[in-house]
Amino acid sequence: MQRVPERFRSLPRVDGPFEAFQIDAEDWEVRVASYPSGMRSAPHSHDTETYGVVTRGELFLTVRGSERSLGPGEWYELARGEIHAARFDAETSLIEFTYRGQA
């Protein structure tokens, strides 16, 4: 599995079945994450806005019953409370930006 670059590994680790490290800023979180092949997330939502970009591999993102494939350089946006699911058929790396501030 391709690892998150060593410099990022000194950041606070995010709990989960994937490798992720987080940078905190006022109202924002930035995560650099690497997901193993075969990982899936059940439908869920967050009380934050989420923006992400695939840096390696492929993300299959299901939103409003429609699945789309995103590859390196492609961005996604999730509104607060938007139900979504994800799957990773290959090892995949993402950078996610989560906005916790006022809508």
PDB file of N, CA and C in Angstrom:
ATOM      1  N   MET A   1       0.845  -1.184   0.000  1.00  0.00           N
ATOM      2  CA  MET A   1       0.000   0.000   0.000  1.00  0.00           C
ATOM      3  C   MET A   1       0.887   1.243   0.000  1.00  0.00           C
ATOM      4  N   GLN A   2       0.578   2.178  -0.877  1.00  0.00           N
ATOM      5  CA  GLN A   2       1.314   3.438  -0.860  1.00  0.00           C
ATOM      6  C   GLN A   2       0.944   4.175   0.417  1.00  0.00           C
ATOM      7  N   ARG A   3       1.934   4.618   1.111  1.00  0.00           N
ATOM      8  CA  ARG A   3       1.717   5.300   2.380  1.00  0.00           C
ATOM      9  C   ARG A   3       1.601   6.791   2.183  1.00  0.00           C
ATOM     10  N   VAL A   4       0.951   7.414   3.145  1.00  0.00           N
ATOM     11  CA  VAL A   4       0.930   8.870   3.203  1.00  0.00           C
ATOM     12  C   VAL A   4       2.384   9.316   3.357  1.00  0.00           C
ATOM     13  N   PRO A   5       2.805  10.388   2.668  1.00  0.00           N
ATOM     14  CA  PRO A   5       4.197  10.824   2.787  1.00  0.00           C
ATOM     15  C   PRO A   5       4.636  11.003   4.241  1.00  0.00           C
ATOM     16  N   GLU A   6       5.872  10.669   4.519  1.00  0.00           N
ATOM     17  CA  GLU A   6       6.423  10.652   5.879  1.00  0.00           C
ATOM     18  C   GLU A   6       6.187  11.967   6.631  1.00  0.00           C
ATOM     19  N   ARG A   7       6.329  13.098   5.984  1.00  0.00           N
ATOM     20  CA  ARG A   7       6.153  14.391   6.650  1.00  0.00           C
ATOM     21  C   ARG A   7       4.769  14.498   7.298  1.00  0.00           C
ATOM     22  N   PHE A   8       3.737  13.973   6.635  1.00  0.00           N
ATOM     23  CA  PHE A   8       2.378  14.056   7.157  1.00  0.00           C
ATOM     24  C   PHE A   8       2.145  13.104   8.329  1.00  0.00           C
ATOM     25  N   ARG A   9       2.966  12.070   8.461  1.00  0.00           N
ATOM     26  CA  ARG A   9       2.753  11.058   9.490  1.00  0.00           C
ATOM     27  C   ARG A   9       2.980  11.578  10.905  1.00  0.00           C
ATOM     28  N   SER A  10       3.565  12.771  11.047  1.00  0.00           N
ATOM     29  CA  SER A  10       3.741  13.352  12.381  1.00  0.00           C
ATOM     30  C   SER A  10       2.500  14.130  12.825  1.00  0.00           C
ATOM     31  N   LEU A  11       1.525  14.292  11.942  1.00  0.00           N
ATOM     32  CA  LEU A  11       0.278  14.986  12.281  1.00  0.00           C
ATOM     33  C   LEU A  11      -0.613  14.065  13.114  1.00  0.00           C
ATOM     34  N   PRO A  12      -1.637  14.618  13.787  1.00  0.00           N
ATOM     35  CA  PRO A  12      -2.565  13.765  14.535  1.00  0.00           C
ATOM     36  C   PRO A  12      -3.244  12.755  13.613  1.00  0.00           C
ATOM     37  N   ARG A  13      -3.281  11.523  14.076  1.00  0.00           N
ATOM     38  CA  ARG A  13      -3.883  10.431  13.300  1.00  0.00           C
ATOM     39  C   ARG A  13      -5.401  10.450  13.472  1.00  0.00           C
ATOM     40  N   VAL A  14      -6.120  10.108  12.409  1.00  0.00           N
ATOM     41  CA  VAL A  14      -7.569  10.006  12.419  1.00  0.00           C
ATOM     42  C   VAL A  14      -7.922   8.542  12.642  1.00  0.00           C
ATOM     43  N   ASP A  15      -8.833   8.263  13.555  1.00  0.00           N
ATOM     44  CA  ASP A  15      -9.253   6.893  13.807  1.00  0.00           C
ATOM     45  C   ASP A  15     -10.067   6.367  12.634  1.00  0.00           C
ATOM     46  N   GLY A  16      -9.861   5.124  12.267  1.00  0.00           N
ATOM     47  CA  GLY A  16     -10.640   4.495  11.215  1.00  0.00           C
ATOM     48  C   GLY A  16      -9.881   3.361  10.568  1.00  0.00           C
ATOM     49  N   PRO A  17     -10.551   2.618   9.686  1.00  0.00           N
ATOM     50  CA  PRO A  17      -9.922   1.467   9.028  1.00  0.00           C
ATOM     51  C   PRO A  17      -9.102   1.881   7.807  1.00  0.00           C
ATOM     52  N   PHE A  18      -8.549   3.067   7.853  1.00  0.00           N
ATOM     53  CA  PHE A  18      -7.748   3.614   6.772  1.00  0.00           C
ATOM     54  C   PHE A  18      -6.640   4.428   7.400  1.00  0.00           C
ATOM     55  N   GLU A  19      -5.676   4.852   6.608  1.00  0.00           N
ATOM     56  CA  GLU A  19      -4.570   5.642   7.126  1.00  0.00           C
ATOM     57  C   GLU A  19      -4.836   7.108   6.811  1.00  0.00           C
ATOM     58  N   ALA A  20      -4.997   7.947   7.840  1.00  0.00           N
ATOM     59  CA  ALA A  20      -5.283   9.361   7.622  1.00  0.00           C
ATOM     60  C   ALA A  20      -4.674  10.195   8.740  1.00  0.00           C
ATOM     61  N   PHE A  21      -4.216  11.373   8.365  1.00  0.00           N
ATOM     62  CA  PHE A  21      -3.614  12.324   9.298  1.00  0.00           C
ATOM     63  C   PHE A  21      -4.262  13.674   9.039  1.00  0.00           C
ATOM     64  N   GLN A  22      -4.369  14.487  10.065  1.00  0.00           N
ATOM     65  CA  GLN A  22      -5.197  15.681   9.993  1.00  0.00           C
ATOM     66  C   GLN A  22      -4.450  16.949  10.377  1.00  0.00           C
ATOM     67  N   ILE A  23      -4.738  18.026   9.637  1.00  0.00           N
ATOM     68  CA  ILE A  23      -4.250  19.367   9.953  1.00  0.00           C
ATOM     69  C   ILE A  23      -5.460  20.161  10.409  1.00  0.00           C
ATOM     70  N   ASP A  24      -5.416  20.743  11.592  1.00  0.00           N
ATOM     71  CA  ASP A  24      -6.534  21.533  12.093  1.00  0.00           C
ATOM     72  C   ASP A  24      -6.289  23.021  11.895  1.00  0.00           C
ATOM     73  N   ALA A  25      -7.338  23.715  11.484  1.00  0.00           N
ATOM     74  CA  ALA A  25      -7.337  25.168  11.371  1.00  0.00           C
ATOM     75  C   ALA A  25      -8.725  25.628  11.810  1.00  0.00           C
ATOM     76  N   GLU A  26      -8.866  26.881  12.168  1.00  0.00           N
ATOM     77  CA  GLU A  26     -10.157  27.365  12.641  1.00  0.00           C
ATOM     78  C   GLU A  26     -11.247  27.036  11.625  1.00  0.00           C
ATOM     79  N   ASP A  27     -12.250  26.310  12.055  1.00  0.00           N
ATOM     80  CA  ASP A  27     -13.408  25.896  11.261  1.00  0.00           C
ATOM     81  C   ASP A  27     -13.101  24.892  10.157  1.00  0.00           C
ATOM     82  N   TRP A  28     -11.852  24.472   9.990  1.00  0.00           N
ATOM     83  CA  TRP A  28     -11.468  23.549   8.934  1.00  0.00           C
ATOM     84  C   TRP A  28     -10.658  22.384   9.479  1.00  0.00           C
ATOM     85  N   GLU A  29     -10.780  21.243   8.817  1.00  0.00           N
ATOM     86  CA  GLU A  29      -9.885  20.107   9.011  1.00  0.00           C
ATOM     87  C   GLU A  29      -9.394  19.717   7.626  1.00  0.00           C
ATOM     88  N   VAL A  30      -8.131  19.360   7.525  1.00  0.00           N
ATOM     89  CA  VAL A  30      -7.567  18.871   6.267  1.00  0.00           C
ATOM     90  C   VAL A  30      -6.998  17.488   6.551  1.00  0.00           C
ATOM     91  N   ARG A  31      -7.404  16.519   5.752  1.00  0.00           N
ATOM     92  CA  ARG A  31      -6.936  15.152   5.942  1.00  0.00           C
ATOM     93  C   ARG A  31      -6.238  14.657   4.688  1.00  0.00           C
ATOM     94  N   VAL A  32      -5.150  13.976   4.894  1.00  0.00           N
ATOM     95  CA  VAL A  32      -4.445  13.267   3.835  1.00  0.00           C
ATOM     96  C   VAL A  32      -4.643  11.795   4.169  1.00  0.00           C
ATOM     97  N   ALA A  33      -5.341  11.061   3.303  1.00  0.00           N
ATOM     98  CA  ALA A  33      -5.740   9.699   3.654  1.00  0.00           C
ATOM     99  C   ALA A  33      -5.433   8.718   2.534  1.00  0.00           C
ATOM    100  N   SER A  34      -5.177   7.470   2.924  1.00  0.00           N
ATOM    101  CA  SER A  34      -4.941   6.388   1.987  1.00  0.00           C
ATOM    102  C   SER A  34      -5.871   5.231   2.357  1.00  0.00           C
ATOM    103  N   TYR A  35      -6.711   4.808   1.417  1.00  0.00           N
ATOM    104  CA  TYR A  35      -7.712   3.773   1.659  1.00  0.00           C
ATOM    105  C   TYR A  35      -7.288   2.465   0.982  1.00  0.00           C
ATOM    106  N   PRO A  36      -7.428   1.345   1.666  1.00  0.00           N
ATOM    107  CA  PRO A  36      -7.030   0.067   1.073  1.00  0.00           C
ATOM    108  C   PRO A  36      -8.026  -0.417   0.022  1.00  0.00           C
ATOM    109  N   SER A  37      -7.541  -1.192  -0.904  1.00  0.00           N
ATOM    110  CA  SER A  37      -8.392  -1.828  -1.900  1.00  0.00           C
ATOM    111  C   SER A  37      -9.463  -2.660  -1.204  1.00  0.00           C
ATOM    112  N   GLY A  38     -10.688  -2.559  -1.681  1.00  0.00           N
ATOM    113  CA  GLY A  38     -11.784  -3.345  -1.125  1.00  0.00           C
ATOM    114  C   GLY A  38     -12.552  -2.666  -0.013  1.00  0.00           C
ATOM    115  N   MET A  39     -12.097  -1.508   0.454  1.00  0.00           N
ATOM    116  CA  MET A  39     -12.805  -0.821   1.534  1.00  0.00           C
ATOM    117  C   MET A  39     -14.100  -0.201   1.014  1.00  0.00           C
ATOM    118  N   ARG A  40     -15.131  -0.260   1.851  1.00  0.00           N
ATOM    119  CA  ARG A  40     -16.434   0.340   1.540  1.00  0.00           C
ATOM    120  C   ARG A  40     -16.940   1.061   2.778  1.00  0.00           C
ATOM    121  N   SER A  41     -17.663   2.143   2.575  1.00  0.00           N
ATOM    122  CA  SER A  41     -18.337   2.795   3.695  1.00  0.00           C
ATOM    123  C   SER A  41     -19.838   2.678   3.466  1.00  0.00           C
ATOM    124  N   ALA A  42     -20.567   2.374   4.516  1.00  0.00           N
ATOM    125  CA  ALA A  42     -22.022   2.313   4.447  1.00  0.00           C
ATOM    126  C   ALA A  42     -22.562   3.730   4.268  1.00  0.00           C
ATOM    127  N   PRO A  43     -23.788   3.870   3.764  1.00  0.00           N
ATOM    128  CA  PRO A  43     -24.368   5.211   3.642  1.00  0.00           C
ATOM    129  C   PRO A  43     -24.352   5.929   4.992  1.00  0.00           C
ATOM    130  N   HIS A  44     -23.922   7.186   4.961  1.00  0.00           N
ATOM    131  CA  HIS A  44     -23.830   7.990   6.176  1.00  0.00           C
ATOM    132  C   HIS A  44     -23.798   9.459   5.782  1.00  0.00           C
ATOM    133  N   SER A  45     -23.827  10.341   6.777  1.00  0.00           N
ATOM    134  CA  SER A  45     -23.738  11.776   6.510  1.00  0.00           C
ATOM    135  C   SER A  45     -22.884  12.421   7.590  1.00  0.00           C
ATOM    136  N   HIS A  46     -22.535  13.682   7.367  1.00  0.00           N
ATOM    137  CA  HIS A  46     -21.741  14.462   8.318  1.00  0.00           C
ATOM    138  C   HIS A  46     -22.441  15.798   8.557  1.00  0.00           C
ATOM    139  N   ASP A  47     -22.188  16.403   9.701  1.00  0.00           N
ATOM    140  CA  ASP A  47     -22.763  17.724   9.970  1.00  0.00           C
ATOM    141  C   ASP A  47     -21.803  18.837   9.540  1.00  0.00           C
ATOM    142  N   THR A  48     -20.980  18.534   8.546  1.00  0.00           N
ATOM    143  CA  THR A  48     -20.006  19.473   7.997  1.00  0.00           C
ATOM    144  C   THR A  48     -20.105  19.460   6.473  1.00  0.00           C
ATOM    145  N   GLU A  49     -19.509  20.460   5.836  1.00  0.00           N
ATOM    146  CA  GLU A  49     -19.328  20.446   4.385  1.00  0.00           C
ATOM    147  C   GLU A  49     -18.006  19.736   4.120  1.00  0.00           C
ATOM    148  N   THR A  50     -17.956  18.919   3.075  1.00  0.00           N
ATOM    149  CA  THR A  50     -16.727  18.198   2.756  1.00  0.00           C
ATOM    150  C   THR A  50     -16.378  18.402   1.288  1.00  0.00           C
ATOM    151  N   TYR A  51     -15.111  18.697   1.059  1.00  0.00           N
ATOM    152  CA  TYR A  51     -14.564  18.855  -0.294  1.00  0.00           C
ATOM    153  C   TYR A  51     -13.365  17.929  -0.369  1.00  0.00           C
ATOM    154  N   GLY A  52     -13.205  17.230  -1.475  1.00  0.00           N
ATOM    155  CA  GLY A  52     -12.073  16.328  -1.569  1.00  0.00           C
ATOM    156  C   GLY A  52     -11.556  16.211  -2.979  1.00  0.00           C
ATOM    157  N   VAL A  53     -10.311  15.763  -3.069  1.00  0.00           N
ATOM    158  CA  VAL A  53      -9.679  15.522  -4.364  1.00  0.00           C
ATOM    159  C   VAL A  53      -8.949  14.185  -4.300  1.00  0.00           C
ATOM    160  N   VAL A  54      -9.118  13.386  -5.329  1.00  0.00           N
ATOM    161  CA  VAL A  54      -8.427  12.104  -5.436  1.00  0.00           C
ATOM    162  C   VAL A  54      -7.012  12.387  -5.932  1.00  0.00           C
ATOM    163  N   THR A  55      -6.026  11.825  -5.257  1.00  0.00           N
ATOM    164  CA  THR A  55      -4.641  12.022  -5.683  1.00  0.00           C
ATOM    165  C   THR A  55      -4.037  10.757  -6.298  1.00  0.00           C
ATOM    166  N   ARG A  56      -4.665   9.619  -6.039  1.00  0.00           N
ATOM    167  CA  ARG A  56      -4.180   8.342  -6.573  1.00  0.00           C
ATOM    168  C   ARG A  56      -5.304   7.326  -6.486  1.00  0.00           C
ATOM    169  N   GLY A  57      -5.440   6.477  -7.483  1.00  0.00           N
ATOM    170  CA  GLY A  57      -6.448   5.425  -7.445  1.00  0.00           C
ATOM    171  C   GLY A  57      -7.791   5.899  -7.969  1.00  0.00           C
ATOM    172  N   GLU A  58      -8.875   5.350  -7.378  1.00  0.00           N
ATOM    173  CA  GLU A  58     -10.220   5.652  -7.853  1.00  0.00           C
ATOM    174  C   GLU A  58     -11.206   5.555  -6.699  1.00  0.00           C
ATOM    175  N   LEU A  59     -12.055   6.566  -6.591  1.00  0.00           N
ATOM    176  CA  LEU A  59     -13.125   6.623  -5.599  1.00  0.00           C
ATOM    177  C   LEU A  59     -14.444   6.443  -6.326  1.00  0.00           C
ATOM    178  N   PHE A  60     -15.270   5.521  -5.842  1.00  0.00           N
ATOM    179  CA  PHE A  60     -16.636   5.379  -6.327  1.00  0.00           C
ATOM    180  C   PHE A  60     -17.524   5.983  -5.255  1.00  0.00           C
ATOM    181  N   LEU A  61     -18.134   7.120  -5.557  1.00  0.00           N
ATOM    182  CA  LEU A  61     -18.916   7.893  -4.595  1.00  0.00           C
ATOM    183  C   LEU A  61     -20.384   7.819  -4.988  1.00  0.00           C
ATOM    184  N   THR A  62     -21.228   7.395  -4.039  1.00  0.00           N
ATOM    185  CA  THR A  62     -22.669   7.322  -4.276  1.00  0.00           C
ATOM    186  C   THR A  62     -23.344   8.440  -3.492  1.00  0.00           C
ATOM    187  N   VAL A  63     -24.068   9.292  -4.217  1.00  0.00           N
ATOM    188  CA  VAL A  63     -24.810  10.416  -3.630  1.00  0.00           C
ATOM    189  C   VAL A  63     -26.177  10.446  -4.306  1.00  0.00           C
ATOM    190  N   ARG A  64     -27.241  10.562  -3.518  1.00  0.00           N
ATOM    191  CA  ARG A  64     -28.612  10.600  -4.033  1.00  0.00           C
ATOM    192  C   ARG A  64     -28.901   9.421  -4.970  1.00  0.00           C
ATOM    193  N   GLY A  65     -28.381   8.242  -4.618  1.00  0.00           N
ATOM    194  CA  GLY A  65     -28.655   7.023  -5.367  1.00  0.00           C
ATOM    195  C   GLY A  65     -27.874   6.868  -6.661  1.00  0.00           C
ATOM    196  N   SER A  66     -26.995   7.809  -6.958  1.00  0.00           N
ATOM    197  CA  SER A  66     -26.218   7.758  -8.185  1.00  0.00           C
ATOM    198  C   SER A  66     -24.735   7.607  -7.859  1.00  0.00           C
ATOM    199  N   GLU A  67     -24.089   6.599  -8.450  1.00  0.00           N
ATOM    200  CA  GLU A  67     -22.667   6.380  -8.216  1.00  0.00           C
ATOM    201  C   GLU A  67     -21.851   7.000  -9.346  1.00  0.00           C
ATOM    202  N   ARG A  68     -20.755   7.648  -8.966  1.00  0.00           N
ATOM    203  CA  ARG A  68     -19.832   8.162  -9.982  1.00  0.00           C
ATOM    204  C   ARG A  68     -18.415   7.781  -9.594  1.00  0.00           C
ATOM    205  N   SER A  69     -17.578   7.673 -10.608  1.00  0.00           N
ATOM    206  CA  SER A  69     -16.180   7.313 -10.425  1.00  0.00           C
ATOM    207  C   SER A  69     -15.328   8.572 -10.515  1.00  0.00           C
ATOM    208  N   LEU A  70     -14.399   8.724  -9.568  1.00  0.00           N
ATOM    209  CA  LEU A  70     -13.485   9.869  -9.580  1.00  0.00           C
ATOM    210  C   LEU A  70     -12.057   9.357  -9.550  1.00  0.00           C
ATOM    211  N   GLY A  71     -11.231   9.898 -10.429  1.00  0.00           N
ATOM    212  CA  GLY A  71      -9.828   9.529 -10.503  1.00  0.00           C
ATOM    213  C   GLY A  71      -8.935  10.679 -10.093  1.00  0.00           C
ATOM    214  N   PRO A  72      -7.638  10.506 -10.218  1.00  0.00           N
ATOM    215  CA  PRO A  72      -6.685  11.535  -9.802  1.00  0.00           C
ATOM    216  C   PRO A  72      -6.998  12.902 -10.412  1.00  0.00           C
ATOM    217  N   GLY A  73      -7.005  13.900  -9.538  1.00  0.00           N
ATOM    218  CA  GLY A  73      -7.272  15.275  -9.941  1.00  0.00           C
ATOM    219  C   GLY A  73      -8.730  15.666  -9.934  1.00  0.00           C
ATOM    220  N   GLU A  74      -9.626  14.707  -9.709  1.00  0.00           N
ATOM    221  CA  GLU A  74     -11.057  15.025  -9.706  1.00  0.00           C
ATOM    222  C   GLU A  74     -11.531  15.329  -8.285  1.00  0.00           C
ATOM    223  N   TRP A  75     -12.379  16.354  -8.189  1.00  0.00           N
ATOM    224  CA  TRP A  75     -12.896  16.855  -6.912  1.00  0.00           C
ATOM    225  C   TRP A  75     -14.329  16.402  -6.694  1.00  0.00           C
ATOM    226  N   TYR A  76     -14.725  16.356  -5.421  1.00  0.00           N
ATOM    227  CA  TYR A  76     -16.118  16.124  -5.052  1.00  0.00           C
ATOM    228  C   TYR A  76     -16.489  17.082  -3.931  1.00  0.00           C
ATOM    229  N   GLU A  77     -17.793  17.337  -3.800  1.00  0.00           N
ATOM    230  CA  GLU A  77     -18.335  18.179  -2.734  1.00  0.00           C
ATOM    231  C   GLU A  77     -19.506  17.450  -2.103  1.00  0.00           C
ATOM    232  N   LEU A  78     -19.598  17.525  -0.782  1.00  0.00           N
ATOM    233  CA  LEU A  78     -20.730  16.958  -0.049  1.00  0.00           C
ATOM    234  C   LEU A  78     -21.281  18.036   0.873  1.00  0.00           C
ATOM    235  N   ALA A  79     -22.564  18.313   0.737  1.00  0.00           N
ATOM    236  CA  ALA A  79     -23.218  19.308   1.590  1.00  0.00           C
ATOM    237  C   ALA A  79     -23.428  18.734   2.988  1.00  0.00           C
ATOM    238  N   ARG A  80     -23.635  19.604   3.950  1.00  0.00           N
ATOM    239  CA  ARG A  80     -23.964  19.154   5.311  1.00  0.00           C
ATOM    240  C   ARG A  80     -25.181  18.239   5.264  1.00  0.00           C
ATOM    241  N   GLY A  81     -25.079  17.108   5.946  1.00  0.00           N
ATOM    242  CA  GLY A  81     -26.203  16.190   6.042  1.00  0.00           C
ATOM    243  C   GLY A  81     -26.467  15.356   4.797  1.00  0.00           C
ATOM    244  N   GLU A  82     -25.685  15.521   3.747  1.00  0.00           N
ATOM    245  CA  GLU A  82     -25.906  14.775   2.509  1.00  0.00           C
ATOM    246  C   GLU A  82     -25.489  13.311   2.702  1.00  0.00           C
ATOM    247  N   ILE A  83     -26.410  12.405   2.484  1.00  0.00           N
ATOM    248  CA  ILE A  83     -26.134  10.979   2.652  1.00  0.00           C
ATOM    249  C   ILE A  83     -25.304  10.501   1.461  1.00  0.00           C
ATOM    250  N   HIS A  84     -24.242   9.770   1.772  1.00  0.00           N
ATOM    251  CA  HIS A  84     -23.326   9.294   0.738  1.00  0.00           C
ATOM    252  C   HIS A  84     -22.673   7.990   1.194  1.00  0.00           C
ATOM    253  N   ALA A  85     -22.099   7.276   0.241  1.00  0.00           N
ATOM    254  CA  ALA A  85     -21.336   6.059   0.513  1.00  0.00           C
ATOM    255  C   ALA A  85     -20.140   6.060  -0.431  1.00  0.00           C
ATOM    256  N   ALA A  86     -19.105   5.310  -0.069  1.00  0.00           N
ATOM    257  CA  ALA A  86     -17.901   5.261  -0.895  1.00  0.00           C
ATOM    258  C   ALA A  86     -17.386   3.828  -0.960  1.00  0.00           C
ATOM    259  N   ARG A  87     -16.723   3.538  -2.070  1.00  0.00           N
ATOM    260  CA  ARG A  87     -16.012   2.263  -2.178  1.00  0.00           C
ATOM    261  C   ARG A  87     -14.708   2.504  -2.926  1.00  0.00           C
ATOM    262  N   PHE A  88     -13.755   1.638  -2.631  1.00  0.00           N
ATOM    263  CA  PHE A  88     -12.421   1.737  -3.198  1.00  0.00           C
ATOM    264  C   PHE A  88     -12.030   0.363  -3.728  1.00  0.00           C
ATOM    265  N   ASP A  89     -12.044   0.183  -5.049  1.00  0.00           N
ATOM    266  CA  ASP A  89     -11.680  -1.101  -5.645  1.00  0.00           C
ATOM    267  C   ASP A  89     -10.167  -1.247  -5.777  1.00  0.00           C
ATOM    268  N   ALA A  90      -9.452  -0.143  -5.681  1.00  0.00           N
ATOM    269  CA  ALA A  90      -7.986  -0.128  -5.737  1.00  0.00           C
ATOM    270  C   ALA A  90      -7.498   0.769  -4.599  1.00  0.00           C
ATOM    271  N   GLU A  91      -6.256   0.609  -4.208  1.00  0.00           N
ATOM    272  CA  GLU A  91      -5.680   1.505  -3.201  1.00  0.00           C
ATOM    273  C   GLU A  91      -5.847   2.935  -3.710  1.00  0.00           C
ATOM    274  N   THR A  92      -6.348   3.803  -2.848  1.00  0.00           N
ATOM    275  CA  THR A  92      -6.708   5.158  -3.263  1.00  0.00           C
ATOM    276  C   THR A  92      -6.283   6.159  -2.208  1.00  0.00           C
ATOM    277  N   SER A  93      -5.776   7.288  -2.659  1.00  0.00           N
ATOM    278  CA  SER A  93      -5.392   8.375  -1.753  1.00  0.00           C
ATOM    279  C   SER A  93      -6.225   9.604  -2.062  1.00  0.00           C
ATOM    280  N   LEU A  94      -6.601  10.320  -1.001  1.00  0.00           N
ATOM    281  CA  LEU A  94      -7.427  11.523  -1.103  1.00  0.00           C
ATOM    282  C   LEU A  94      -6.858  12.609  -0.212  1.00  0.00           C
ATOM    283  N   ILE A  95      -7.200  13.842  -0.544  1.00  0.00           N
ATOM    284  CA  ILE A  95      -7.039  14.951   0.386  1.00  0.00           C
ATOM    285  C   ILE A  95      -8.441  15.498   0.598  1.00  0.00           C
ATOM    286  N   GLU A  96      -8.890  15.548   1.862  1.00  0.00           N
ATOM    287  CA  GLU A  96     -10.228  16.026   2.195  1.00  0.00           C
ATOM    288  C   GLU A  96     -10.153  17.294   3.029  1.00  0.00           C
ATOM    289  N   PHE A  97     -11.041  18.228   2.690  1.00  0.00           N
ATOM    290  CA  PHE A  97     -11.151  19.500   3.402  1.00  0.00           C
ATOM    291  C   PHE A  97     -12.551  19.533   3.994  1.00  0.00           C
ATOM    292  N   THR A  98     -12.646  19.596   5.321  1.00  0.00           N
ATOM    293  CA  THR A  98     -13.928  19.593   6.007  1.00  0.00           C
ATOM    294  C   THR A  98     -14.141  20.943   6.669  1.00  0.00           C
ATOM    295  N   TYR A  99     -15.286  21.570   6.354  1.00  0.00           N
ATOM    296  CA  TYR A  99     -15.629  22.880   6.922  1.00  0.00           C
ATOM    297  C   TYR A  99     -16.659  22.686   8.020  1.00  0.00           C
ATOM    298  N   ARG A 100     -16.285  23.057   9.253  1.00  0.00           N
ATOM    299  CA  ARG A 100     -17.158  22.899  10.426  1.00  0.00           C
ATOM    300  C   ARG A 100     -17.870  24.194  10.791  1.00  0.00           C
ATOM    301  N   GLY A 101     -17.518  25.300  10.166  1.00  0.00           N
ATOM    302  CA  GLY A 101     -18.054  26.619  10.535  1.00  0.00           C
ATOM    303  C   GLY A 101     -19.509  26.795  10.169  1.00  0.00           C
ATOM    304  N   GLN A 102     -19.983  28.009  10.313  1.00  0.00           N
ATOM    305  CA  GLN A 102     -21.363  28.348  10.020  1.00  0.00           C
ATOM    306  C   GLN A 102     -21.645  28.206   8.535  1.00  0.00           C
ATOM    307  N   ALA A 103     -22.828  27.733   8.250  1.00  0.00           N
ATOM    308  CA  ALA A 103     -23.240  27.528   6.842  1.00  0.00           C
ATOM    309  C   ALA A 103     -23.432  28.850   6.132  1.00  0.00           C
TER     310      ALA A 103
END
